[in-house]
């Protein structure tokens, strides 16, 4: 077990959630028993969390942070700074993005007129594809320049171009939100969400404000605002019901399905597994109505594949590790095999599946399988995997459990920002 004393704490980026929890609890002058009482768990479980013998669920991280009067990022350690990240260049684009979002209605002057709108829209398509695959390093530098050009067209261009410019701006701001919240820069993420809503509301597209509301509900969920998120998602369903005559049916179904999957996660976070399964079954009905095809309509990645990824995730969140581990075998087309997301699935989605699978295998004591899943996640989406708090916790736990961890695991832990001591 990794044990840090008060005189030689680990470096900041090598702290685990358990380390941060212990430091925060002591800073608040609380005993393990007092903190346990605030979040309705046992004192021994608090001790297991602090020692790293147990990984807190996302819902428990939020409850602990609330009890300690902290934001959840204070326990997860986001944003993650350290030697591995400095090589990525992900953070280098953040100052320029903050500037672009601050100047959303009064952009920087351009040395020459903006490029034609079709050219900019093609670049936004490239940004969207990079976002779906969590390729933040090549995506980041594209964002601020194209946002600035689109803003000039949206505010000062020909009237016939303005709606389309706002639509493309909403997509860019969504990409900024993804980069920001995946890397733990929640303030920038929240600003980006406001910009998504601003641009979507001016796009003339009735589905874009609904997708903006969906993204806001996701942020609410990440910060434990469950009741507001539920109200938001239910309101979005009502709006979608009224849009069917005005919007393409397949697009409406894709957005509706994504909203249902977000509701399933919300139910799981509130430890209501049956309600989560109800939402998943509703999502399956919507997918069947859309022809059971995986769709990227409105960048929602909705369809049978994402439903399965969410089903495993909700089982894991509700503590049903046995079911989470059984699902891939149940879905496999080959007896004795294991389902994996098909080729062509967005990298961020596929890597999320393997990150969750690693957590489930670790909880079941399968250390070899857990590390194998982490490696699959890294291969599919390195940026998403490196910055994911669960990856760091799983890696740290694997390193603690082995008195002489293999070099491959040590190297992976170093890459993820954790290490054996």
Protein backbone atom coordinates (compact mmCIF):
# COMPACT_ATOMS: atom_id res chain seq x y z
CA UNK A 1 0.00 0.00 0.00
CA UNK A 2 1.21 3.45 -0.80
CA UNK A 3 1.65 5.40 2.42
CA UNK A 4 2.72 9.05 2.49
CA UNK A 5 3.70 10.66 5.74
CA UNK A 6 3.34 14.31 6.61
CA UNK A 7 7.03 15.14 6.15
CA UNK A 8 7.51 13.90 2.58
CA UNK A 9 4.30 14.13 0.63
CA UNK A 10 4.19 13.04 -3.00
CA UNK A 11 4.54 15.68 -5.66
CA UNK A 12 1.28 17.39 -6.58
CA UNK A 13 0.67 15.58 -9.85
CA UNK A 14 1.37 12.19 -8.20
CA UNK A 15 -1.23 12.61 -5.49
CA UNK A 16 -4.14 10.20 -5.71
CA UNK A 17 -7.76 10.98 -4.89
CA UNK A 18 -7.21 9.19 -1.59
CA UNK A 19 -4.23 11.39 -0.77
CA UNK A 20 -6.21 14.53 -1.59
CA UNK A 21 -9.16 13.32 0.44
CA UNK A 22 -6.99 12.73 3.50
CA UNK A 23 -5.28 16.13 3.16
CA UNK A 24 -8.62 17.92 2.71
CA UNK A 25 -10.26 16.10 5.62
CA UNK A 26 -7.42 17.02 7.95
CA UNK A 27 -7.41 20.60 6.70
CA UNK A 28 -11.10 20.81 7.62
CA UNK A 29 -10.36 19.38 11.06
CA UNK A 30 -12.58 16.34 10.54
CA UNK A 31 -12.01 12.81 11.73
CA UNK A 32 -12.70 9.90 9.39
CA UNK A 33 -15.81 9.16 11.44
CA UNK A 34 -17.10 12.72 11.13
CA UNK A 35 -16.61 12.78 7.37
CA UNK A 36 -18.20 9.34 7.07
CA UNK A 37 -21.29 10.57 8.88
CA UNK A 38 -21.65 13.50 6.47
CA UNK A 39 -21.75 11.24 3.41
CA UNK A 40 -23.47 8.19 4.95
CA UNK A 41 -20.61 5.70 4.65
CA UNK A 42 -18.59 3.89 7.31
CA UNK A 43 -15.39 5.32 8.84
CA UNK A 44 -13.55 2.22 7.68
CA UNK A 45 -14.63 2.96 4.12
CA UNK A 46 -13.23 6.48 4.39
CA UNK A 47 -9.95 4.93 5.50
CA UNK A 48 -10.00 2.53 2.55
CA UNK A 49 -10.61 5.44 0.18
CA UNK A 50 -7.74 7.41 1.67
CA UNK A 51 -5.36 4.44 1.51
CA UNK A 52 -6.33 3.67 -2.07
CA UNK A 53 -7.83 0.27 -1.30
CA UNK A 54 -11.12 1.50 -2.74
CA UNK A 55 -11.90 3.85 -5.63
CA UNK A 56 -14.74 6.30 -5.03
CA UNK A 57 -17.51 6.40 -7.60
CA UNK A 58 -18.13 9.73 -9.35
CA UNK A 59 -21.20 10.24 -7.17
CA UNK A 60 -19.19 9.62 -4.01
CA UNK A 61 -16.46 12.02 -5.14
CA UNK A 62 -19.14 14.70 -5.49
CA UNK A 63 -20.64 13.88 -2.08
CA UNK A 64 -17.22 13.98 -0.39
CA UNK A 65 -16.31 17.25 -2.09
CA UNK A 66 -19.61 18.79 -1.02
CA UNK A 67 -19.11 17.65 2.57
CA UNK A 68 -15.64 19.22 2.55
CA UNK A 69 -16.90 22.44 0.87
CA UNK A 70 -14.69 21.85 -2.15
CA UNK A 71 -15.16 21.47 -5.86
CA UNK A 72 -14.78 17.89 -7.12
CA UNK A 73 -11.63 18.86 -8.99
CA UNK A 74 -9.91 19.41 -5.63
CA UNK A 75 -10.22 15.65 -5.04
CA UNK A 76 -9.64 14.43 -8.59
CA UNK A 77 -6.67 16.75 -9.03
CA UNK A 78 -7.87 18.43 -12.18
CA UNK A 79 -6.48 20.08 -14.14
CA UNK A 80 -3.60 17.61 -14.25
CA UNK A 81 -0.29 19.36 -14.66
CA UNK A 82 3.00 17.53 -14.71
CA UNK A 83 5.83 16.31 -16.85
CA UNK A 84 3.75 14.03 -19.12
CA UNK A 85 1.30 16.79 -19.99
CA UNK A 86 3.99 19.33 -20.75
CA UNK A 87 4.99 17.25 -23.77
CA UNK A 88 1.48 17.13 -25.19
CA UNK A 89 1.01 20.79 -25.94
CA UNK A 90 -2.67 20.49 -24.97
CA UNK A 91 -2.44 23.31 -22.48
CA UNK A 92 -0.54 25.65 -24.80
CA UNK A 93 -3.72 26.61 -26.69
CA UNK A 94 -5.77 27.49 -23.61
CA UNK A 95 -4.77 31.18 -23.29
CA UNK A 96 -5.72 31.83 -26.91
CA UNK A 97 -9.03 30.01 -26.45
CA UNK A 98 -9.84 32.04 -23.36
CA UNK A 99 -9.20 35.18 -25.35
CA UNK A 100 -11.39 34.03 -28.24
CA UNK A 101 -14.27 33.17 -25.90
CA UNK A 102 -13.92 36.43 -23.99
CA UNK A 103 -14.11 38.39 -27.25
CA UNK A 104 -17.05 36.42 -28.62
CA UNK A 105 -19.02 39.54 -29.60
CA UNK A 106 -16.05 41.79 -30.40
CA UNK A 107 -13.39 39.62 -32.03
CA UNK A 108 -9.81 40.52 -32.85
CA UNK A 109 -9.27 42.33 -36.14
CA UNK A 110 -8.24 40.15 -39.05
CA UNK A 111 -5.26 41.03 -41.27
CA UNK A 112 -7.33 39.91 -44.27
CA UNK A 113 -11.00 39.03 -44.86
CA UNK A 114 -12.20 35.72 -43.42
CA UNK A 115 -12.02 32.70 -45.66
CA UNK A 116 -15.19 31.66 -47.50
CA UNK A 117 -17.80 30.04 -45.29
CA UNK A 118 -17.65 26.61 -47.05
CA UNK A 119 -13.89 26.48 -46.37
CA UNK A 120 -14.43 27.32 -42.71
CA UNK A 121 -17.27 24.77 -42.45
CA UNK A 122 -14.94 22.10 -43.83
CA UNK A 123 -12.37 22.98 -41.17
CA UNK A 124 -15.06 22.75 -38.49
CA UNK A 125 -15.89 19.26 -39.80
CA UNK A 126 -12.24 18.40 -39.22
CA UNK A 127 -12.40 19.86 -35.71
CA UNK A 128 -15.53 17.83 -34.96
CA UNK A 129 -13.89 14.61 -36.13
CA UNK A 130 -10.84 15.29 -33.97
CA UNK A 131 -13.10 16.05 -31.00
CA UNK A 132 -14.96 12.77 -31.37
CA UNK A 133 -11.65 10.90 -31.34
CA UNK A 134 -10.35 13.01 -28.42
CA UNK A 135 -7.36 14.13 -30.49
CA UNK A 136 -6.94 17.35 -28.58
CA UNK A 137 -3.35 18.07 -29.62
CA UNK A 138 -4.06 18.55 -33.35
CA UNK A 139 -7.53 19.96 -32.65
CA UNK A 140 -6.57 22.71 -30.21
CA UNK A 141 -4.57 25.01 -32.52
CA UNK A 142 -7.35 25.01 -35.12
CA UNK A 143 -10.00 26.40 -32.82
CA UNK A 144 -9.16 30.02 -32.00
CA UNK A 145 -8.41 31.13 -35.59
CA UNK A 146 -11.54 29.56 -37.06
CA UNK A 147 -13.68 30.91 -34.21
CA UNK A 148 -12.40 34.42 -34.92
CA UNK A 149 -13.10 34.18 -38.64
CA UNK A 150 -16.56 32.72 -38.11
CA UNK A 151 -17.39 35.41 -35.58
CA UNK A 152 -16.62 38.14 -38.12
CA UNK A 153 -18.97 36.50 -40.61
CA UNK A 154 -21.67 35.91 -38.00
CA UNK A 155 -21.61 39.52 -36.80
CA UNK A 156 -20.69 41.48 -39.94
CA UNK A 157 -21.01 39.18 -42.92
CA UNK A 158 -23.78 38.88 -45.47
CA UNK A 159 -27.15 38.20 -43.93
CA UNK A 160 -27.46 34.99 -45.96
CA UNK A 161 -24.27 33.65 -44.29
CA UNK A 162 -24.96 34.58 -40.71
CA UNK A 163 -27.15 31.66 -39.68
CA UNK A 164 -24.64 29.14 -41.02
CA UNK A 165 -21.74 31.00 -39.36
CA UNK A 166 -23.50 30.83 -36.00
CA UNK A 167 -24.20 27.12 -36.54
CA UNK A 168 -20.54 26.44 -37.17
CA UNK A 169 -19.55 28.61 -34.21
CA UNK A 170 -21.75 26.49 -31.93
CA UNK A 171 -19.87 23.40 -33.12
CA UNK A 172 -16.51 25.07 -32.43
CA UNK A 173 -17.54 26.15 -28.96
CA UNK A 174 -18.67 22.59 -28.30
CA UNK A 175 -15.17 21.41 -29.19
CA UNK A 176 -13.68 23.95 -26.77
CA UNK A 177 -16.02 22.63 -24.07
CA UNK A 178 -14.84 19.06 -24.70
CA UNK A 179 -11.17 19.98 -24.56
CA UNK A 180 -11.66 22.07 -21.44
CA UNK A 181 -13.72 19.70 -19.33
CA UNK A 182 -11.74 16.60 -20.34
CA UNK A 183 -8.55 18.32 -19.19
CA UNK A 184 -10.18 19.63 -16.02
CA UNK A 185 -10.40 23.35 -16.89
CA UNK A 186 -13.97 23.66 -15.73
CA UNK A 187 -14.11 27.45 -15.78
CA UNK A 188 -13.25 27.47 -19.49
CA UNK A 189 -15.71 24.63 -20.07
CA UNK A 190 -18.53 26.62 -18.48
CA UNK A 191 -17.69 29.68 -20.57
CA UNK A 192 -17.67 27.54 -23.69
CA UNK A 193 -21.11 26.17 -22.83
CA UNK A 194 -22.49 29.69 -22.57
CA UNK A 195 -21.00 30.45 -25.97
CA UNK A 196 -22.57 27.29 -27.42
CA UNK A 197 -25.96 28.49 -26.20
CA UNK A 198 -25.34 31.98 -27.54
CA UNK A 199 -24.40 30.78 -31.02
CA UNK A 200 -27.01 28.00 -31.16
CA UNK A 201 -29.78 30.45 -30.34
CA UNK A 202 -28.78 32.56 -33.35
CA UNK A 203 -28.30 29.71 -35.81
CA UNK A 204 -31.90 29.33 -36.93
CA UNK A 205 -31.56 25.57 -36.34
CA UNK A 206 -34.24 24.36 -33.89
CA UNK A 207 -32.18 21.35 -32.76
CA UNK A 208 -28.99 23.23 -31.91
CA UNK A 209 -30.36 24.97 -28.77
CA UNK A 210 -31.53 21.55 -27.59
CA UNK A 211 -28.06 20.09 -28.07
CA UNK A 212 -26.68 23.08 -26.16
CA UNK A 213 -29.09 22.33 -23.32
CA UNK A 214 -27.96 18.71 -23.39
CA UNK A 215 -24.33 19.81 -22.93
CA UNK A 216 -25.30 22.09 -20.04
CA UNK A 217 -27.16 19.21 -18.37
CA UNK A 218 -23.98 17.14 -18.67
CA UNK A 219 -22.03 19.83 -16.86
CA UNK A 220 -24.69 19.97 -14.15
CA UNK A 221 -24.36 16.22 -13.76
CA UNK A 222 -20.58 16.39 -13.42
CA UNK A 223 -20.97 18.90 -10.61
CA UNK A 224 -23.67 16.98 -8.74
CA UNK A 225 -26.58 19.30 -9.62
CA UNK A 226 -28.87 16.34 -10.19
CA UNK A 227 -32.26 18.01 -9.73
CA UNK A 228 -31.50 20.88 -12.17
CA UNK A 229 -30.03 18.38 -14.65
CA UNK A 230 -33.18 16.26 -14.46
CA UNK A 231 -35.42 19.28 -15.04
CA UNK A 232 -33.26 20.36 -17.96
CA UNK A 233 -33.30 16.95 -19.63
CA UNK A 234 -37.04 16.51 -19.16
CA UNK A 235 -37.65 19.94 -20.67
CA UNK A 236 -35.49 19.01 -23.64
CA UNK A 237 -37.58 15.88 -24.22
CA UNK A 238 -40.69 18.02 -24.27
CA UNK A 239 -39.11 20.37 -26.81
CA UNK A 240 -38.10 17.44 -29.00
CA UNK A 241 -41.65 16.12 -28.97
CA UNK A 242 -42.80 19.40 -30.51
CA UNK A 243 -40.08 19.47 -33.17
CA UNK A 244 -40.90 16.35 -35.13
CA UNK A 245 -42.83 18.08 -37.92
CA UNK A 246 -40.10 20.72 -38.33
CA UNK A 247 -36.90 18.67 -38.16
CA UNK A 248 -35.55 15.59 -39.87
CA UNK A 249 -36.88 12.57 -38.05
CA UNK A 250 -33.51 10.79 -37.81
CA UNK A 251 -31.89 13.91 -36.35
CA UNK A 252 -34.62 14.28 -33.74
CA UNK A 253 -34.31 10.60 -32.81
CA UNK A 254 -30.53 10.87 -32.42
CA UNK A 255 -30.79 13.87 -30.11
CA UNK A 256 -33.66 12.28 -28.18
CA UNK A 257 -31.64 9.10 -27.72
CA UNK A 258 -28.65 11.05 -26.43
CA UNK A 259 -30.88 12.83 -23.90
CA UNK A 260 -32.17 9.46 -22.68
CA UNK A 261 -28.63 8.16 -22.23
CA UNK A 262 -27.77 11.24 -20.17
CA UNK A 263 -30.85 10.58 -18.04
CA UNK A 264 -29.68 6.99 -17.56
CA UNK A 265 -26.35 8.23 -16.20
CA UNK A 266 -28.18 10.66 -13.92
CA UNK A 267 -30.31 7.82 -12.50
CA UNK A 268 -27.18 5.75 -11.95
CA UNK A 269 -25.46 8.62 -10.15
CA UNK A 270 -28.50 8.79 -7.86
CA UNK A 271 -28.13 5.05 -7.24
CA UNK A 272 -31.38 4.14 -8.98
CA UNK A 273 -30.33 1.19 -11.18
CA UNK A 274 -33.87 0.21 -12.20
CA UNK A 275 -34.67 3.73 -13.36
CA UNK A 276 -31.35 3.80 -15.23
CA UNK A 277 -32.29 0.58 -17.01
CA UNK A 278 -35.70 2.04 -17.87
CA UNK A 279 -34.00 4.98 -19.59
CA UNK A 280 -31.67 2.59 -21.42
CA UNK A 281 -34.64 0.55 -22.63
CA UNK A 282 -36.28 3.74 -23.87
CA UNK A 283 -33.06 4.58 -25.70
CA UNK A 284 -33.13 1.13 -27.32
CA UNK A 285 -36.68 1.83 -28.53
CA UNK A 286 -35.51 5.11 -30.06
CA UNK A 287 -32.55 3.35 -31.70
CA UNK A 288 -34.88 0.77 -33.24
CA UNK A 289 -37.10 3.54 -34.62
CA UNK A 290 -33.95 4.98 -36.25
CA UNK A 291 -33.05 1.67 -37.85
CA UNK A 292 -30.56 0.48 -35.20
CA UNK A 293 -27.74 2.38 -36.89
CA UNK A 294 -24.93 4.17 -35.10
CA UNK A 295 -25.35 7.83 -35.95
CA UNK A 296 -23.26 10.97 -35.66
CA UNK A 297 -26.23 13.29 -36.23
CA UNK A 298 -25.63 16.52 -34.34
CA UNK A 299 -22.40 14.91 -33.06
CA UNK A 300 -24.35 12.81 -30.55
CA UNK A 301 -22.77 9.40 -31.30
CA UNK A 302 -26.13 7.76 -30.69
CA UNK A 303 -27.03 4.18 -31.55
CA UNK A 304 -26.64 0.57 -30.35
CA UNK A 305 -22.92 0.93 -29.66
CA UNK A 306 -23.21 3.96 -27.40
CA UNK A 307 -26.20 2.42 -25.63
CA UNK A 308 -24.03 -0.57 -24.70
CA UNK A 309 -21.19 1.68 -23.55
CA UNK A 310 -23.67 3.52 -21.32
CA UNK A 311 -25.19 0.29 -20.03
CA UNK A 312 -21.82 -0.94 -18.79
CA UNK A 313 -21.07 2.49 -17.35
CA UNK A 314 -24.33 2.71 -15.41
CA UNK A 315 -23.81 -0.79 -14.00
CA UNK A 316 -20.36 0.26 -12.82
CA UNK A 317 -21.60 3.53 -11.32
CA UNK A 318 -24.30 1.73 -9.32
CA UNK A 319 -21.73 -0.70 -7.93
CA UNK A 320 -22.90 -3.73 -9.91
CA UNK A 321 -19.42 -4.86 -10.92
CA UNK A 322 -20.55 -8.41 -11.64
CA UNK A 323 -23.09 -7.20 -14.19
CA UNK A 324 -20.63 -4.72 -15.71
CA UNK A 325 -18.17 -7.55 -16.31
CA UNK A 326 -20.81 -9.93 -17.63
CA UNK A 327 -22.23 -7.57 -20.25
CA UNK A 328 -19.38 -7.74 -22.83
CA UNK A 329 -19.61 -11.57 -22.83
CA UNK A 330 -23.38 -11.41 -23.17
CA UNK A 331 -23.11 -9.09 -26.16
CA UNK A 332 -20.38 -11.07 -27.92
CA UNK A 333 -21.44 -12.63 -31.23
CA UNK A 334 -18.98 -15.46 -30.54
CA UNK A 335 -19.49 -17.89 -27.62
CA UNK A 336 -16.81 -17.26 -25.03
CA UNK A 337 -15.83 -13.99 -26.66
CA UNK A 338 -16.08 -10.41 -25.47
CA UNK A 339 -17.83 -7.54 -27.23
CA UNK A 340 -15.80 -4.45 -28.03
CA UNK A 341 -16.95 -1.27 -29.77
CA UNK A 342 -16.83 -1.81 -33.53
CA UNK A 343 -14.21 -0.23 -35.75
CA UNK A 344 -15.26 3.27 -36.66
CA UNK A 345 -16.67 4.07 -33.24
CA UNK A 346 -15.53 7.49 -32.04
CA UNK A 347 -12.24 7.14 -30.18
CA UNK A 348 -13.50 9.02 -27.15
CA UNK A 349 -16.46 6.63 -26.84
CA UNK A 350 -14.41 3.46 -27.36
CA UNK A 351 -11.73 4.53 -24.90
CA UNK A 352 -14.43 5.33 -22.33
CA UNK A 353 -15.64 1.72 -22.61
CA UNK A 354 -12.19 0.34 -21.84
CA UNK A 355 -11.58 2.82 -19.02
CA UNK A 356 -14.80 1.62 -17.38
CA UNK A 357 -13.89 -2.00 -18.06
CA UNK A 358 -10.52 -1.45 -16.36
CA UNK A 359 -12.29 -0.10 -13.26
CA UNK A 360 -14.67 -3.07 -13.17
CA UNK A 361 -11.86 -5.59 -13.56
CA UNK A 362 -9.81 -3.92 -10.86
CA UNK A 363 -12.81 -4.04 -8.49
CA UNK A 364 -13.08 -7.77 -9.22
CA UNK A 365 -9.38 -8.32 -8.47
CA UNK A 366 -8.33 -8.88 -12.08
CA UNK A 367 -5.20 -6.74 -12.19
CA UNK A 368 -3.89 -8.17 -15.45
CA UNK A 369 -7.22 -7.59 -17.17
CA UNK A 370 -7.49 -4.08 -15.75
CA UNK A 371 -4.11 -3.08 -17.15
CA UNK A 372 -4.90 -4.67 -20.50
CA UNK A 373 -8.07 -2.53 -20.71
CA UNK A 374 -6.12 0.62 -19.85
CA UNK A 375 -3.69 -0.13 -22.66
CA UNK A 376 -6.57 -0.59 -25.10
CA UNK A 377 -7.99 2.77 -24.02
CA UNK A 378 -4.62 4.47 -24.52
CA UNK A 379 -4.24 3.01 -28.01
CA UNK A 380 -7.69 4.27 -29.03
CA UNK A 381 -7.54 7.78 -27.54
CA UNK A 382 -4.28 8.70 -25.78
CA UNK A 383 -5.26 12.24 -24.78
CA UNK A 384 -8.62 11.21 -23.37
CA UNK A 385 -7.04 8.32 -21.47
CA UNK A 386 -4.16 10.32 -20.01
CA UNK A 387 -6.39 13.07 -18.64
CA UNK A 388 -9.17 10.82 -17.29
CA UNK A 389 -9.22 10.77 -13.45
CA UNK A 390 -10.31 7.12 -13.38
CA UNK A 391 -7.24 6.09 -15.37
CA UNK A 392 -4.97 7.75 -12.87
CA UNK A 393 -6.73 6.10 -9.95
CA UNK A 394 -6.70 2.66 -11.57
CA UNK A 395 -3.02 3.03 -12.52
CA UNK A 396 -2.10 4.17 -9.02
CA UNK A 397 -4.00 1.27 -7.46
CA UNK A 398 -2.26 -1.26 -9.72
CA UNK A 399 1.13 0.17 -8.81
CA UNK A 400 0.33 0.06 -5.09
CA UNK A 401 -0.80 -3.56 -5.26
CA UNK A 402 2.49 -4.83 -6.70
CA UNK A 403 5.64 -4.73 -4.59
CA UNK A 404 7.70 -4.94 -7.78
CA UNK A 405 5.49 -3.68 -10.59
CA UNK A 406 6.56 -4.62 -14.11
CA UNK A 407 8.38 -1.97 -16.10
CA UNK A 408 5.50 -1.65 -18.54
CA UNK A 409 3.11 -0.73 -15.75
CA UNK A 410 5.63 1.70 -14.24
CA UNK A 411 6.03 3.40 -17.61
CA UNK A 412 2.27 3.59 -18.06
CA UNK A 413 1.88 5.10 -14.59
CA UNK A 414 4.56 7.68 -15.32
CA UNK A 415 2.81 8.55 -18.60
CA UNK A 416 -0.51 8.92 -16.78
CA UNK A 417 1.06 11.10 -14.07
CA UNK A 418 1.22 8.60 -11.22
CA UNK A 419 4.01 6.41 -9.97
CA UNK A 420 5.10 3.83 -7.47
CA UNK A 421 6.97 4.97 -4.39
